[in-house]
Amino acid sequence: MLIQNLALYEDQYFIRVNHENDSLFYFFDYDVRSAEINMQFQHFHTFYELCVMLEPNTKHFLEGKPYSLQQFDIIGLRPNVLHMTQYPEGDPCKRLIIQFSLPPRVNGLGNEYEQLLSIFHQEIPIFRFEPELQQKIYRKLNDIFLLAQKKDPMRNLIIHLKFIEFLTLLYLNQQHNLYTNGAEMTPTEKKMYAVASYIHTHYTEELSLEMLAQKFFISSYYLSHQFKDVTGFTLTDYIQMTKVRNVQAMLINTSIPITEAALNCGFNSFSQFNRVFRKHIGLSPSQYRKRHQSQAEG
C-alpha cells in the first residue's frame, strides 16, 4: 500500500536486523494504534527510536510536553527520553516505529555516527519538510521496505546502508525543518503541561504539591484537581512515576548501587523508594535489575 503517494505500508509487517542488545540493531514495525490502547504513562527505551506518523492529528509527549503532529511528521527519540504518543478517537492510525542502535565507534569514521545522532538531541527533535524533500527522504524508507523482502545475502548490509542514507538526509537538511508546535490547548491545559514539563526537568529535587503550586502561582487545590483532570494522574503519582522511570534507566544502563540511583533521582528515603518502585513496576529494584541483566546476557 502506498499512502498519499509517499510512504509504503503493510499492516503487521516488520523488519529485524539483530537484537536490541547488539551494538548494531534495527527493528521496523509497521502497525496501527488507536485511542483505546493509548499508553497511560510515558515510557523510555535504551535504544534510539523514530516514530513515523502515517496519519494526521496525533499528539506526542516528550518529557511531559505535548506536541501536535501532522501526517508524515518524523519524531526522533534518543535513549532514555520519556515519551508517549496519543492517538485520536476513531479509526486506528497507521504508523511506522523504527528502533535501532549504532556502534559508538567505527574504525576510520571518526565521530560521523555521533554527528548523525545529534539530530535526536535537539530541543524539539520533530521533522517536517516541504513535499519535494519529503519525497526524497521517504524514498529511502521505501527502499528499505522493498529490499528487506528479497532473499539477498547482503540484505542486512543493504538495510544498514539505506538507513544511514536516510539519517544523513535528516542531518543535512535540519535547516529546512518546517515543524512548529501547533498543539491547541486551553489555558488550564497549558499550565498543567508546564507543571508536568517542570517535573521532568527537576525530578531530582524535592517536589511537592505546595511547592509547585507556589512556583506556578496557583492554589494547591486548583493544581491538585486540574492536574488529575488534564493528565489522568494525581500529582503525587506523576512525580513518583517520573522519578521511577529515571531510576529504571540508571538500573539498566549503569552499574551504580541501587541506593545511589534512588538518591540521584530524588528519593531521600530508601524504604519509601522501595515501596514506590514496587508499587509502580511490580518488582523490587534488585529484581528489576537482575531481570534486565539476564535478558541482556541471553
Protein backbone atom coordinates (compact mmCIF):
# COMPACT_ATOMS: atom_id res chain seq x y z
CA MET A 1 0.00 0.00 0.00
CA LEU A 2 1.27 3.47 -0.91
CA ILE A 3 -0.08 6.15 1.42
CA GLN A 4 -0.68 9.55 -0.22
CA ASN A 5 1.77 8.56 -2.98
CA LEU A 6 4.56 8.85 -0.43
CA ALA A 7 5.02 6.03 2.11
CA LEU A 8 4.91 2.27 1.57
CA TYR A 9 3.00 0.46 4.30
CA GLU A 10 1.72 -3.02 5.12
CA ASP A 11 -0.08 -3.73 8.36
CA GLN A 12 1.77 -6.09 10.76
CA TYR A 13 4.85 -6.11 8.54
CA PHE A 14 8.17 -5.89 10.30
CA ILE A 15 11.89 -5.93 9.52
CA ARG A 16 14.50 -7.07 12.03
CA VAL A 17 18.28 -6.96 11.89
CA ASN A 18 19.94 -8.43 15.01
CA HIS A 19 18.52 -7.85 18.51
CA GLU A 20 18.18 -4.82 20.76
CA ASN A 21 21.19 -5.74 22.92
CA ASP A 22 23.50 -5.88 19.89
CA SER A 23 25.65 -2.85 19.02
CA LEU A 24 24.02 -2.77 15.56
CA PHE A 25 20.28 -3.36 15.67
CA TYR A 26 17.21 -2.44 13.59
CA PHE A 27 13.53 -3.12 14.06
CA PHE A 28 10.99 -1.59 11.65
CA ASP A 29 7.44 -2.09 12.92
CA TYR A 30 4.53 -1.28 10.57
CA ASP A 31 1.37 -1.38 12.63
CA VAL A 32 -1.72 0.51 13.77
CA ARG A 33 -2.65 2.09 17.10
CA SER A 34 -5.87 3.61 18.37
CA ALA A 35 -7.13 5.75 21.23
CA GLU A 36 -8.36 2.62 23.03
CA ILE A 37 -4.77 1.47 23.62
CA ASN A 38 -3.08 4.82 24.29
CA MET A 39 -0.30 4.38 26.84
CA GLN A 40 -1.15 5.57 30.33
CA PHE A 41 2.26 7.00 31.12
CA GLN A 42 5.39 7.99 29.26
CA HIS A 43 7.98 5.26 28.77
CA PHE A 44 11.57 5.03 27.55
CA HIS A 45 13.90 2.76 25.58
CA THR A 46 17.60 2.07 25.86
CA PHE A 47 17.98 2.44 22.08
CA TYR A 48 17.17 5.17 19.55
CA GLU A 49 13.68 5.34 18.08
CA LEU A 50 11.93 7.08 15.21
CA CYS A 51 8.15 7.46 15.18
CA VAL A 52 6.89 8.00 11.64
CA MET A 53 3.31 9.26 11.72
CA LEU A 54 1.31 7.99 8.75
CA GLU A 55 -1.98 9.53 9.90
CA PRO A 56 -2.91 13.13 10.85
CA ASN A 57 -3.98 14.55 14.20
CA THR A 58 -1.81 12.58 16.59
CA LYS A 59 -0.03 14.07 19.58
CA HIS A 60 3.33 13.16 21.08
CA PHE A 61 4.59 13.87 24.58
CA LEU A 62 8.30 14.42 25.24
CA GLU A 63 9.28 14.74 28.89
CA GLY A 64 5.76 15.85 29.78
CA LYS A 65 5.32 18.43 27.00
CA PRO A 66 2.74 17.84 24.22
CA TYR A 67 3.49 18.31 20.51
CA SER A 68 0.87 18.20 17.77
CA LEU A 69 1.72 16.15 14.69
CA GLN A 70 0.72 16.14 11.06
CA GLN A 71 0.73 13.20 8.67
CA PHE A 72 4.30 12.17 7.75
CA ASP A 73 5.98 14.04 10.61
CA ILE A 74 9.00 12.16 11.99
CA ILE A 75 9.85 12.16 15.72
CA GLY A 76 13.40 11.30 16.80
CA LEU A 77 13.82 9.85 20.29
CA ARG A 78 17.18 9.45 21.97
CA PRO A 79 17.70 6.64 24.52
CA ASN A 80 16.06 7.05 27.91
CA VAL A 81 13.89 10.04 26.98
CA LEU A 82 10.38 9.70 28.40
CA HIS A 83 7.76 9.83 25.66
CA MET A 84 4.27 8.76 24.67
CA THR A 85 2.08 9.00 21.57
CA GLN A 86 -1.60 9.87 21.94
CA TYR A 87 -3.84 8.71 19.11
CA PRO A 88 -7.21 10.35 18.32
CA GLU A 89 -10.61 8.75 18.67
CA GLY A 90 -11.89 6.93 15.60
CA ASP A 91 -10.23 4.59 13.13
CA PRO A 92 -6.86 3.07 14.07
CA CYS A 93 -3.83 5.08 12.98
CA LYS A 94 -1.12 3.66 10.74
CA ARG A 95 2.42 4.31 11.90
CA LEU A 96 5.97 3.10 11.46
CA ILE A 97 8.21 2.71 14.51
CA ILE A 98 11.94 2.30 13.86
CA GLN A 99 14.05 1.17 16.80
CA PHE A 100 17.80 0.98 16.29
CA SER A 101 21.28 1.08 17.75
CA LEU A 102 24.52 2.02 16.01
CA PRO A 103 28.01 1.12 17.21
CA PRO A 104 29.52 4.09 19.09
CA ARG A 105 32.72 3.98 17.07
CA VAL A 106 33.60 2.56 13.65
CA ASN A 107 37.26 2.41 12.70
CA GLY A 108 38.08 5.02 10.08
CA LEU A 109 34.89 7.05 10.57
CA GLY A 110 35.89 9.30 13.45
CA ASN A 111 32.74 10.68 15.06
CA GLU A 112 30.48 10.67 11.99
CA TYR A 113 27.89 8.40 13.62
CA GLU A 114 27.86 10.64 16.68
CA GLN A 115 27.19 13.64 14.44
CA LEU A 116 24.34 11.84 12.70
CA LEU A 117 22.72 11.02 16.03
CA SER A 118 22.96 14.64 17.19
CA ILE A 119 19.62 15.28 15.47
CA PHE A 120 17.96 13.22 18.23
CA HIS A 121 19.33 15.58 20.88
CA GLN A 122 17.74 18.76 19.57
CA GLU A 123 15.34 20.63 21.84
CA ILE A 124 12.45 19.60 19.56
CA PRO A 125 13.51 16.52 17.55
CA ILE A 126 10.50 16.52 15.23
CA PHE A 127 10.92 16.84 11.47
CA ARG A 128 8.57 18.16 8.80
CA PHE A 129 9.69 19.01 5.27
CA GLU A 130 8.33 20.52 2.07
CA PRO A 131 6.94 17.95 -0.43
CA GLU A 132 9.96 17.58 -2.73
CA LEU A 133 12.40 16.97 0.13
CA GLN A 134 9.83 14.81 1.91
CA GLN A 135 9.64 12.56 -1.17
CA LYS A 136 13.42 12.23 -1.22
CA ILE A 137 13.58 11.28 2.47
CA TYR A 138 10.69 8.81 2.36
CA ARG A 139 12.17 7.17 -0.74
CA LYS A 140 14.95 5.80 1.49
CA LEU A 141 12.39 4.23 3.85
CA ASN A 142 10.51 2.77 0.88
CA ASP A 143 13.74 1.28 -0.45
CA ILE A 144 14.24 -0.48 2.90
CA PHE A 145 10.62 -1.73 2.83
CA LEU A 146 11.15 -3.34 -0.57
CA LEU A 147 14.74 -4.54 -0.22
CA ALA A 148 14.01 -6.29 3.09
CA GLN A 149 11.63 -8.67 1.33
CA LYS A 150 14.31 -10.00 -1.02
CA LYS A 151 16.31 -13.11 -0.20
CA ASP A 152 19.64 -11.43 -0.67
CA PRO A 153 22.79 -12.50 1.24
CA MET A 154 23.62 -8.78 1.54
CA ARG A 155 20.14 -7.91 2.90
CA ASN A 156 21.23 -6.70 6.35
CA LEU A 157 24.11 -4.65 4.99
CA ILE A 158 21.86 -3.02 2.39
CA ILE A 159 19.26 -2.13 5.05
CA HIS A 160 22.00 -0.61 7.18
CA LEU A 161 23.41 1.45 4.30
CA LYS A 162 19.99 2.71 3.22
CA PHE A 163 19.14 3.68 6.79
CA ILE A 164 22.40 5.61 7.13
CA GLU A 165 21.48 7.42 3.91
CA PHE A 166 18.09 8.23 5.46
CA LEU A 167 19.67 9.59 8.66
CA THR A 168 22.17 11.56 6.60
CA LEU A 169 19.34 13.27 4.71
CA LEU A 170 17.72 14.28 8.00
CA TYR A 171 21.05 15.53 9.31
CA LEU A 172 21.96 17.52 6.19
CA ASN A 173 18.52 19.12 5.92
CA GLN A 174 18.00 20.18 9.53
CA GLN A 175 17.87 23.82 8.45
CA HIS A 176 14.90 23.03 6.20
CA ASN A 177 12.80 21.60 9.02
CA LEU A 178 9.36 23.25 8.92
CA TYR A 179 7.99 21.83 12.18
CA THR A 180 6.21 24.19 14.55
CA ASN A 181 4.20 23.04 17.53
CA GLY A 182 0.58 23.90 16.88
CA ALA A 183 -0.92 21.98 19.79
CA GLU A 184 -4.17 23.69 20.68
CA MET A 185 -4.65 23.82 24.44
CA THR A 186 -6.79 25.70 26.86
CA PRO A 187 -5.00 27.99 29.35
CA THR A 188 -5.55 25.34 32.04
CA GLU A 189 -4.04 22.59 29.87
CA LYS A 190 -1.03 24.79 29.07
CA LYS A 191 -0.49 25.41 32.78
CA MET A 192 -0.79 21.74 33.74
CA TYR A 193 1.55 20.60 30.97
CA ALA A 194 4.00 23.29 32.04
CA VAL A 195 3.89 21.74 35.52
CA ALA A 196 4.43 18.27 34.01
CA SER A 197 7.39 19.52 31.97
CA TYR A 198 8.87 21.14 35.08
CA ILE A 199 8.61 17.81 36.92
CA HIS A 200 10.56 16.09 34.12
CA THR A 201 13.38 18.62 34.29
CA HIS A 202 13.51 18.87 38.11
CA TYR A 203 12.71 15.31 39.21
CA THR A 204 15.98 15.08 41.18
CA GLU A 205 14.72 17.81 43.51
CA GLU A 206 12.23 17.70 46.37
CA LEU A 207 8.87 18.26 44.67
CA SER A 208 5.55 18.73 46.41
CA LEU A 209 2.05 19.99 45.70
CA GLU A 210 2.60 23.11 47.78
CA MET A 211 5.96 23.95 46.20
CA LEU A 212 4.67 23.51 42.64
CA ALA A 213 1.52 25.50 43.36
CA GLN A 214 3.64 28.36 44.65
CA LYS A 215 6.04 28.07 41.70
CA PHE A 216 3.20 28.37 39.17
CA PHE A 217 1.16 30.96 41.13
CA ILE A 218 -1.93 28.80 41.61
CA SER A 219 -3.67 27.30 44.62
CA SER A 220 -2.84 23.79 45.81
CA TYR A 221 -6.49 22.82 45.47
CA TYR A 222 -6.65 24.04 41.85
CA LEU A 223 -3.38 22.31 40.91
CA SER A 224 -4.38 19.04 42.53
CA HIS A 225 -7.74 18.79 40.77
CA GLN A 226 -6.80 20.24 37.38
CA PHE A 227 -3.61 18.19 37.06
CA LYS A 228 -5.63 14.99 37.53
CA ASP A 229 -8.28 16.14 35.05
CA VAL A 230 -5.72 17.04 32.36
CA THR A 231 -3.13 14.26 32.70
CA GLY A 232 -5.19 11.46 34.25
CA PHE A 233 -2.71 11.17 37.14
CA THR A 234 -2.60 12.59 40.59
CA LEU A 235 0.32 14.97 41.01
CA THR A 236 1.95 12.64 43.54
CA ASP A 237 1.73 9.62 41.22
CA TYR A 238 3.11 11.64 38.32
CA ILE A 239 6.11 12.81 40.35
CA GLN A 240 6.73 9.27 41.60
CA MET A 241 6.46 7.71 38.13
CA THR A 242 8.84 10.27 36.62
CA LYS A 243 11.42 9.55 39.31
CA VAL A 244 10.93 5.77 38.99
CA ARG A 245 11.28 5.84 35.18
CA ASN A 246 14.61 7.61 35.53
CA VAL A 247 15.77 5.13 38.17
CA GLN A 248 14.87 2.32 35.76
CA ALA A 249 17.12 3.84 33.11
CA MET A 250 20.00 4.00 35.60
CA LEU A 251 19.49 0.41 36.72
CA ILE A 252 19.59 -0.79 33.12
CA ASN A 253 22.39 1.39 31.77
CA THR A 254 24.79 1.73 34.71
CA SER A 255 26.26 -0.40 37.47
CA ILE A 256 25.89 2.19 40.23
CA PRO A 257 24.40 0.92 43.51
CA ILE A 258 20.63 0.98 43.75
CA THR A 259 20.75 3.33 46.73
CA GLU A 260 22.80 5.81 44.70
CA ALA A 261 20.41 5.57 41.74
CA ALA A 262 17.49 6.31 44.06
CA LEU A 263 19.27 9.28 45.60
CA ASN A 264 20.27 10.64 42.19
CA CYS A 265 16.62 10.58 41.11
CA GLY A 266 15.26 12.48 44.08
CA PHE A 267 14.37 9.77 46.60
CA ASN A 268 15.65 10.72 50.05
CA SER A 269 14.22 7.69 51.86
CA PHE A 270 15.35 4.28 50.64
CA SER A 271 12.41 2.50 52.28
CA GLN A 272 9.99 4.88 50.56
CA PHE A 273 11.84 4.36 47.27
CA ASN A 274 11.50 0.56 47.51
CA ARG A 275 7.80 0.85 48.26
CA VAL A 276 7.15 3.34 45.42
CA PHE A 277 9.23 1.36 42.90
CA ARG A 278 7.41 -1.90 43.67
CA LYS A 279 4.05 -0.11 43.56
CA HIS A 280 4.61 1.21 40.02
CA ILE A 281 6.79 -1.53 38.49
CA GLY A 282 5.61 -4.66 40.31
CA LEU A 283 9.18 -5.73 41.15
CA SER A 284 11.79 -4.69 43.67
CA PRO A 285 14.66 -2.59 42.22
CA SER A 286 17.10 -5.52 42.60
CA GLN A 287 14.68 -7.92 40.88
CA TYR A 288 14.22 -5.40 38.04
CA ARG A 289 17.99 -5.01 37.52
CA LYS A 290 18.60 -8.77 37.61
CA ARG A 291 15.83 -9.42 35.09
CA HIS A 292 17.29 -6.93 32.60
CA GLN A 293 20.83 -8.18 33.16
CA SER A 294 19.74 -11.74 32.39
CA GLN A 295 17.90 -10.58 29.27
CA ALA A 296 20.99 -8.72 28.06
CA GLU A 297 23.21 -11.77 28.67
CA GLY A 298 20.71 -14.08 26.99
